[in-house]
Structure formats: C-alpha cells, structure tokens
Amino acid sequence: MDGQPGFAPEPVSGYPGEQPVLLSQAFDLAVQETGLGVRELAQELAWPLARVRELLGMPDNRPVLRLV
C-alpha cells in the first residue's frame, strides 16, 4: 500500500478534532481499577509506546538526543 493516497501513517496530533477520547477514558478507568501503566497497555496492544502515548494525548517530554 506504499505510495497510495490515504494509507500513509499520519500523526494524530495533525487532527486535533480526532483525538480518540474513548481510549483515554478506558485507560483512565483501567489505571484506577487495576493500576495499568502506559507501558503495559502498549505491550498488550503490541503497539509502540510512543504511538500509545500519542493516542492517549500524553506528550513525550523526554529530551531529544542529537549528534552534532
């Protein structure tokens, strides 16, 4: 599907009105009920941690390593 319009991965942040609200609500409930963490959710979904954080609306505040 490479090269076909509509199939390239795009960041959710590019569509502010399209945040997956139900996923973040379900995650909040799971945190309260079971203590689930973001890493565990990413592992369970087999998604990259960065993608799960993006979909939950959690900014990645880690410093960026740059080689100069």
C-alpha atoms as a PDB file:
ATOM      1  CA  MET A   1       0.000   0.000   0.000  1.00  0.00           C
ATOM      2  CA  ASP A   2       3.034   2.264  -0.105  1.00  0.00           C
ATOM      3  CA  GLY A   3       2.555   5.215  -2.382  1.00  0.00           C
ATOM      4  CA  GLN A   4      -1.229   5.023  -2.333  1.00  0.00           C
ATOM      5  CA  PRO A   5      -3.051   8.098  -1.047  1.00  0.00           C
ATOM      6  CA  GLY A   6      -4.791   7.687   2.276  1.00  0.00           C
ATOM      7  CA  PHE A   7      -2.585   4.852   3.529  1.00  0.00           C
ATOM      8  CA  ALA A   8       0.458   6.701   4.878  1.00  0.00           C
ATOM      9  CA  PRO A   9       0.699   6.858   8.682  1.00  0.00           C
ATOM     10  CA  GLU A  10      -0.051  10.350   9.911  1.00  0.00           C
ATOM     11  CA  PRO A  11       0.305  11.763  13.421  1.00  0.00           C
ATOM     12  CA  VAL A  12      -2.917  12.075  15.386  1.00  0.00           C
ATOM     13  CA  SER A  13      -1.725  15.490  16.551  1.00  0.00           C
ATOM     14  CA  GLY A  14      -2.303  16.751  12.999  1.00  0.00           C
ATOM     15  CA  TYR A  15      -6.029  16.254  13.526  1.00  0.00           C
ATOM     16  CA  PRO A  16      -6.885  17.946  16.834  1.00  0.00           C
ATOM     17  CA  GLY A  17     -10.589  17.159  16.486  1.00  0.00           C
ATOM     18  CA  GLU A  18      -9.870  13.454  16.007  1.00  0.00           C
ATOM     19  CA  GLN A  19      -8.429  12.500  19.388  1.00  0.00           C
ATOM     20  CA  PRO A  20      -9.576   9.007  20.447  1.00  0.00           C
ATOM     21  CA  VAL A  21     -11.486  10.021  23.584  1.00  0.00           C
ATOM     22  CA  LEU A  22     -12.827   6.562  24.419  1.00  0.00           C
ATOM     23  CA  LEU A  23      -9.335   5.067  24.516  1.00  0.00           C
ATOM     24  CA  SER A  24      -8.127   7.657  27.024  1.00  0.00           C
ATOM     25  CA  GLN A  25     -11.280   7.236  29.142  1.00  0.00           C
ATOM     26  CA  ALA A  26     -10.879   3.455  29.133  1.00  0.00           C
ATOM     27  CA  PHE A  27      -7.210   3.844  30.052  1.00  0.00           C
ATOM     28  CA  ASP A  28      -8.067   6.187  32.951  1.00  0.00           C
ATOM     29  CA  LEU A  29     -10.587   3.645  34.237  1.00  0.00           C
ATOM     30  CA  ALA A  30      -8.065   0.807  33.910  1.00  0.00           C
ATOM     31  CA  VAL A  31      -5.493   2.852  35.832  1.00  0.00           C
ATOM     32  CA  GLN A  32      -7.974   3.413  38.660  1.00  0.00           C
ATOM     33  CA  GLU A  33      -9.218  -0.175  38.767  1.00  0.00           C
ATOM     34  CA  THR A  34      -6.043  -2.156  38.083  1.00  0.00           C
ATOM     35  CA  GLY A  35      -3.089   0.226  38.154  1.00  0.00           C
ATOM     36  CA  LEU A  36      -2.396  -0.405  34.459  1.00  0.00           C
ATOM     37  CA  GLY A  37       0.521   1.592  33.090  1.00  0.00           C
ATOM     38  CA  VAL A  38       1.158   3.010  29.646  1.00  0.00           C
ATOM     39  CA  ARG A  39       3.968   0.514  29.027  1.00  0.00           C
ATOM     40  CA  GLU A  40       1.713  -2.405  29.904  1.00  0.00           C
ATOM     41  CA  LEU A  41      -1.033  -1.087  27.614  1.00  0.00           C
ATOM     42  CA  ALA A  42       1.424  -0.694  24.735  1.00  0.00           C
ATOM     43  CA  GLN A  43       2.706  -4.202  25.320  1.00  0.00           C
ATOM     44  CA  GLU A  44      -0.824  -5.637  25.465  1.00  0.00           C
ATOM     45  CA  LEU A  45      -1.810  -3.872  22.237  1.00  0.00           C
ATOM     46  CA  ALA A  46       1.555  -4.679  20.586  1.00  0.00           C
ATOM     47  CA  TRP A  47       1.856  -1.003  19.648  1.00  0.00           C
ATOM     48  CA  PRO A  48       4.933   1.192  20.007  1.00  0.00           C
ATOM     49  CA  LEU A  49       4.977   3.078  23.308  1.00  0.00           C
ATOM     50  CA  ALA A  50       5.263   6.416  21.510  1.00  0.00           C
ATOM     51  CA  ARG A  51       2.110   5.664  19.491  1.00  0.00           C
ATOM     52  CA  VAL A  52       0.112   4.761  22.609  1.00  0.00           C
ATOM     53  CA  ARG A  53       1.243   7.968  24.310  1.00  0.00           C
ATOM     54  CA  GLU A  54       0.267   9.953  21.220  1.00  0.00           C
ATOM     55  CA  LEU A  55      -3.202   8.382  21.086  1.00  0.00           C
ATOM     56  CA  LEU A  56      -3.722   8.987  24.813  1.00  0.00           C
ATOM     57  CA  GLY A  57      -2.724  12.632  24.395  1.00  0.00           C
ATOM     58  CA  MET A  58       0.359  12.262  26.585  1.00  0.00           C
ATOM     59  CA  PRO A  59       3.207  14.469  25.403  1.00  0.00           C
ATOM     60  CA  ASP A  60       6.672  12.947  25.306  1.00  0.00           C
ATOM     61  CA  ASN A  61       8.771  15.277  27.453  1.00  0.00           C
ATOM     62  CA  ARG A  62      11.980  13.315  27.157  1.00  0.00           C
ATOM     63  CA  PRO A  63      14.970  15.199  25.759  1.00  0.00           C
ATOM     64  CA  VAL A  64      15.913  14.515  22.158  1.00  0.00           C
ATOM     65  CA  LEU A  65      19.424  13.246  21.544  1.00  0.00           C
ATOM     66  CA  ARG A  66      21.134  14.945  18.635  1.00  0.00           C
ATOM     67  CA  LEU A  67      24.553  14.112  17.256  1.00  0.00           C
ATOM     68  CA  VAL A  68      26.462  17.126  16.039  1.00  0.00           C
END
